[in-house]
Amino acid sequence: MDSEADVIISWRFGFLLRMRDGLKASERGIPIKYQLHMLEEAYRLGDT
């Protein structure tokens, strides 16, 4: 995968699992997160 992404976000859990496995194989350090977890983090940061 050739990308300059800082993070991969998706609603589809199966997609996240496949991407995680593929990125582990290529040793890319891109975090993969479920969209609801990203929303939770954003709301938490907004409360500070």
PDB file of N, CA and C in Angstrom:
ATOM      1  N   MET A   1       0.849  -1.166   0.000  1.00  0.00           N
ATOM      2  CA  MET A   1       0.000   0.000   0.000  1.00  0.00           C
ATOM      3  C   MET A   1       0.899   1.234   0.000  1.00  0.00           C
ATOM      4  N   ASP A   2       0.626   2.143  -0.894  1.00  0.00           N
ATOM      5  CA  ASP A   2       1.399   3.375  -0.980  1.00  0.00           C
ATOM      6  C   ASP A   2       0.506   4.529  -0.563  1.00  0.00           C
ATOM      7  N   SER A   3       0.628   4.965   0.674  1.00  0.00           N
ATOM      8  CA  SER A   3      -0.218   6.027   1.204  1.00  0.00           C
ATOM      9  C   SER A   3       0.563   6.840   2.227  1.00  0.00           C
ATOM     10  N   GLU A   4       0.201   8.095   2.325  1.00  0.00           N
ATOM     11  CA  GLU A   4       0.792   8.954   3.352  1.00  0.00           C
ATOM     12  C   GLU A   4      -0.211   9.210   4.473  1.00  0.00           C
ATOM     13  N   ALA A   5      -1.179   8.313   4.618  1.00  0.00           N
ATOM     14  CA  ALA A   5      -2.217   8.455   5.638  1.00  0.00           C
ATOM     15  C   ALA A   5      -1.612   8.374   7.036  1.00  0.00           C
ATOM     16  N   ASP A   6      -2.170   9.159   7.953  1.00  0.00           N
ATOM     17  CA  ASP A   6      -1.757   9.111   9.353  1.00  0.00           C
ATOM     18  C   ASP A   6      -2.536   8.069  10.129  1.00  0.00           C
ATOM     19  N   VAL A   7      -3.757   7.779   9.671  1.00  0.00           N
ATOM     20  CA  VAL A   7      -4.625   6.814  10.338  1.00  0.00           C
ATOM     21  C   VAL A   7      -5.633   6.293   9.311  1.00  0.00           C
ATOM     22  N   ILE A   8      -6.085   5.050   9.499  1.00  0.00           N
ATOM     23  CA  ILE A   8      -7.140   4.474   8.675  1.00  0.00           C
ATOM     24  C   ILE A   8      -8.359   4.313   9.568  1.00  0.00           C
ATOM     25  N   ILE A   9      -9.504   4.839   9.113  1.00  0.00           N
ATOM     26  CA  ILE A   9     -10.737   4.809   9.892  1.00  0.00           C
ATOM     27  C   ILE A   9     -11.832   4.182   9.040  1.00  0.00           C
ATOM     28  N   SER A  10     -12.640   3.311   9.646  1.00  0.00           N
ATOM     29  CA  SER A  10     -13.736   2.681   8.915  1.00  0.00           C
ATOM     30  C   SER A  10     -14.846   2.283   9.872  1.00  0.00           C
ATOM     31  N   TRP A  11     -16.080   2.204   9.343  1.00  0.00           N
ATOM     32  CA  TRP A  11     -17.209   1.665  10.091  1.00  0.00           C
ATOM     33  C   TRP A  11     -17.224   0.151  10.020  1.00  0.00           C
ATOM     34  N   ARG A  12     -16.645  -0.417   8.959  1.00  0.00           N
ATOM     35  CA  ARG A  12     -16.740  -1.853   8.704  1.00  0.00           C
ATOM     36  C   ARG A  12     -15.636  -2.599   9.444  1.00  0.00           C
ATOM     37  N   PHE A  13     -16.034  -3.352  10.447  1.00  0.00           N
ATOM     38  CA  PHE A  13     -15.074  -4.048  11.293  1.00  0.00           C
ATOM     39  C   PHE A  13     -14.272  -5.089  10.499  1.00  0.00           C
ATOM     40  N   GLY A  14     -14.920  -5.811   9.582  1.00  0.00           N
ATOM     41  CA  GLY A  14     -14.220  -6.801   8.772  1.00  0.00           C
ATOM     42  C   GLY A  14     -13.131  -6.162   7.918  1.00  0.00           C
ATOM     43  N   PHE A  15     -13.410  -4.987   7.379  1.00  0.00           N
ATOM     44  CA  PHE A  15     -12.412  -4.254   6.601  1.00  0.00           C
ATOM     45  C   PHE A  15     -11.220  -3.896   7.477  1.00  0.00           C
ATOM     46  N   LEU A  16     -11.498  -3.440   8.694  1.00  0.00           N
ATOM     47  CA  LEU A  16     -10.415  -3.067   9.607  1.00  0.00           C
ATOM     48  C   LEU A  16      -9.513  -4.260   9.911  1.00  0.00           C
ATOM     49  N   LEU A  17     -10.100  -5.432  10.090  1.00  0.00           N
ATOM     50  CA  LEU A  17      -9.302  -6.628  10.369  1.00  0.00           C
ATOM     51  C   LEU A  17      -8.407  -6.973   9.181  1.00  0.00           C
ATOM     52  N   ARG A  18      -8.953  -6.912   7.975  1.00  0.00           N
ATOM     53  CA  ARG A  18      -8.145  -7.214   6.788  1.00  0.00           C
ATOM     54  C   ARG A  18      -7.026  -6.192   6.615  1.00  0.00           C
ATOM     55  N   MET A  19      -7.323  -4.914   6.830  1.00  0.00           N
ATOM     56  CA  MET A  19      -6.309  -3.862   6.701  1.00  0.00           C
ATOM     57  C   MET A  19      -5.230  -4.042   7.767  1.00  0.00           C
ATOM     58  N   ARG A  20      -5.645  -4.360   8.981  1.00  0.00           N
ATOM     59  CA  ARG A  20      -4.685  -4.563  10.068  1.00  0.00           C
ATOM     60  C   ARG A  20      -3.704  -5.685   9.718  1.00  0.00           C
ATOM     61  N   ASP A  21      -4.251  -6.793   9.222  1.00  0.00           N
ATOM     62  CA  ASP A  21      -3.396  -7.924   8.868  1.00  0.00           C
ATOM     63  C   ASP A  21      -2.460  -7.564   7.717  1.00  0.00           C
ATOM     64  N   GLY A  22      -2.962  -6.841   6.729  1.00  0.00           N
ATOM     65  CA  GLY A  22      -2.136  -6.437   5.600  1.00  0.00           C
ATOM     66  C   GLY A  22      -1.044  -5.468   5.999  1.00  0.00           C
ATOM     67  N   LEU A  23      -1.363  -4.539   6.881  1.00  0.00           N
ATOM     68  CA  LEU A  23      -0.368  -3.564   7.311  1.00  0.00           C
ATOM     69  C   LEU A  23       0.682  -4.198   8.213  1.00  0.00           C
ATOM     70  N   LYS A  24       0.285  -5.192   9.010  1.00  0.00           N
ATOM     71  CA  LYS A  24       1.272  -5.906   9.826  1.00  0.00           C
ATOM     72  C   LYS A  24       2.267  -6.624   8.930  1.00  0.00           C
ATOM     73  N   ALA A  25       1.752  -7.213   7.841  1.00  0.00           N
ATOM     74  CA  ALA A  25       2.615  -7.942   6.920  1.00  0.00           C
ATOM     75  C   ALA A  25       3.604  -6.998   6.233  1.00  0.00           C
ATOM     76  N   SER A  26       3.174  -5.764   5.976  1.00  0.00           N
ATOM     77  CA  SER A  26       4.054  -4.817   5.287  1.00  0.00           C
ATOM     78  C   SER A  26       4.862  -3.965   6.269  1.00  0.00           C
ATOM     79  N   GLU A  27       4.573  -4.115   7.560  1.00  0.00           N
ATOM     80  CA  GLU A  27       5.273  -3.400   8.634  1.00  0.00           C
ATOM     81  C   GLU A  27       5.108  -1.883   8.549  1.00  0.00           C
ATOM     82  N   ARG A  28       3.962  -1.433   8.032  1.00  0.00           N
ATOM     83  CA  ARG A  28       3.652  -0.005   8.033  1.00  0.00           C
ATOM     84  C   ARG A  28       3.118   0.362   9.412  1.00  0.00           C
ATOM     85  N   GLY A  29       3.440   1.523   9.906  1.00  0.00           N
ATOM     86  CA  GLY A  29       3.031   1.933  11.244  1.00  0.00           C
ATOM     87  C   GLY A  29       1.767   2.776  11.272  1.00  0.00           C
ATOM     88  N   ILE A  30       0.842   2.544  10.342  1.00  0.00           N
ATOM     89  CA  ILE A  30      -0.380   3.344  10.283  1.00  0.00           C
ATOM     90  C   ILE A  30      -1.407   2.757  11.247  1.00  0.00           C
ATOM     91  N   PRO A  31      -1.888   3.544  12.221  1.00  0.00           N
ATOM     92  CA  PRO A  31      -2.917   3.033  13.126  1.00  0.00           C
ATOM     93  C   PRO A  31      -4.240   2.810  12.385  1.00  0.00           C
ATOM     94  N   ILE A  32      -4.974   1.805  12.793  1.00  0.00           N
ATOM     95  CA  ILE A  32      -6.269   1.483  12.208  1.00  0.00           C
ATOM     96  C   ILE A  32      -7.292   1.565  13.329  1.00  0.00           C
ATOM     97  N   LYS A  33      -8.328   2.408  13.126  1.00  0.00           N
ATOM     98  CA  LYS A  33      -9.296   2.636  14.203  1.00  0.00           C
ATOM     99  C   LYS A  33     -10.724   2.534  13.686  1.00  0.00           C
ATOM    100  N   TYR A  34     -11.582   2.075  14.556  1.00  0.00           N
ATOM    101  CA  TYR A  34     -13.010   2.018  14.290  1.00  0.00           C
ATOM    102  C   TYR A  34     -13.561   3.435  14.459  1.00  0.00           C
ATOM    103  N   GLN A  35     -14.469   3.844  13.563  1.00  0.00           N
ATOM    104  CA  GLN A  35     -14.926   5.226  13.558  1.00  0.00           C
ATOM    105  C   GLN A  35     -15.555   5.657  14.877  1.00  0.00           C
ATOM    106  N   LEU A  36     -16.301   4.789  15.537  1.00  0.00           N
ATOM    107  CA  LEU A  36     -16.901   5.165  16.818  1.00  0.00           C
ATOM    108  C   LEU A  36     -15.841   5.481  17.870  1.00  0.00           C
ATOM    109  N   HIS A  37     -14.707   4.784  17.830  1.00  0.00           N
ATOM    110  CA  HIS A  37     -13.628   5.064  18.776  1.00  0.00           C
ATOM    111  C   HIS A  37     -13.014   6.432  18.485  1.00  0.00           C
ATOM    112  N   MET A  38     -12.923   6.793  17.218  1.00  0.00           N
ATOM    113  CA  MET A  38     -12.392   8.115  16.862  1.00  0.00           C
ATOM    114  C   MET A  38     -13.332   9.220  17.326  1.00  0.00           C
ATOM    115  N   LEU A  39     -14.638   8.997  17.186  1.00  0.00           N
ATOM    116  CA  LEU A  39     -15.605   9.982  17.671  1.00  0.00           C
ATOM    117  C   LEU A  39     -15.509  10.136  19.184  1.00  0.00           C
ATOM    118  N   GLU A  40     -15.365   9.021  19.882  1.00  0.00           N
ATOM    119  CA  GLU A  40     -15.220   9.060  21.336  1.00  0.00           C
ATOM    120  C   GLU A  40     -13.981   9.883  21.735  1.00  0.00           C
ATOM    121  N   GLU A  41     -12.872   9.641  21.048  1.00  0.00           N
ATOM    122  CA  GLU A  41     -11.646  10.403  21.333  1.00  0.00           C
ATOM    123  C   GLU A  41     -11.845  11.889  21.067  1.00  0.00           C
ATOM    124  N   ALA A  42     -12.510  12.224  19.964  1.00  0.00           N
ATOM    125  CA  ALA A  42     -12.738  13.624  19.611  1.00  0.00           C
ATOM    126  C   ALA A  42     -13.603  14.316  20.672  1.00  0.00           C
ATOM    127  N   TYR A  43     -14.670  13.663  21.102  1.00  0.00           N
ATOM    128  CA  TYR A  43     -15.525  14.258  22.135  1.00  0.00           C
ATOM    129  C   TYR A  43     -14.781  14.403  23.457  1.00  0.00           C
ATOM    130  N   ARG A  44     -13.950  13.428  23.779  1.00  0.00           N
ATOM    131  CA  ARG A  44     -13.181  13.493  25.019  1.00  0.00           C
ATOM    132  C   ARG A  44     -12.205  14.672  24.967  1.00  0.00           C
ATOM    133  N   LEU A  45     -11.544  14.868  23.840  1.00  0.00           N
ATOM    134  CA  LEU A  45     -10.599  15.974  23.695  1.00  0.00           C
ATOM    135  C   LEU A  45     -11.321  17.323  23.722  1.00  0.00           C
ATOM    136  N   GLY A  46     -12.562  17.342  23.210  1.00  0.00           N
ATOM    137  CA  GLY A  46     -13.340  18.577  23.213  1.00  0.00           C
ATOM    138  C   GLY A  46     -13.786  19.001  24.596  1.00  0.00           C
ATOM    139  N   ASP A  47     -13.838  18.070  25.537  1.00  0.00           N
ATOM    140  CA  ASP A  47     -14.256  18.370  26.912  1.00  0.00           C
ATOM    141  C   ASP A  47     -13.161  19.002  27.740  1.00  0.00           C
ATOM    142  N   THR A  48     -11.924  19.010  27.263  1.00  0.00           N
ATOM    143  CA  THR A  48     -10.828  19.541  28.067  1.00  0.00           C
ATOM    144  C   THR A  48     -10.662  21.014  27.887  1.00  0.00           C
TER     145      THR A  48
END
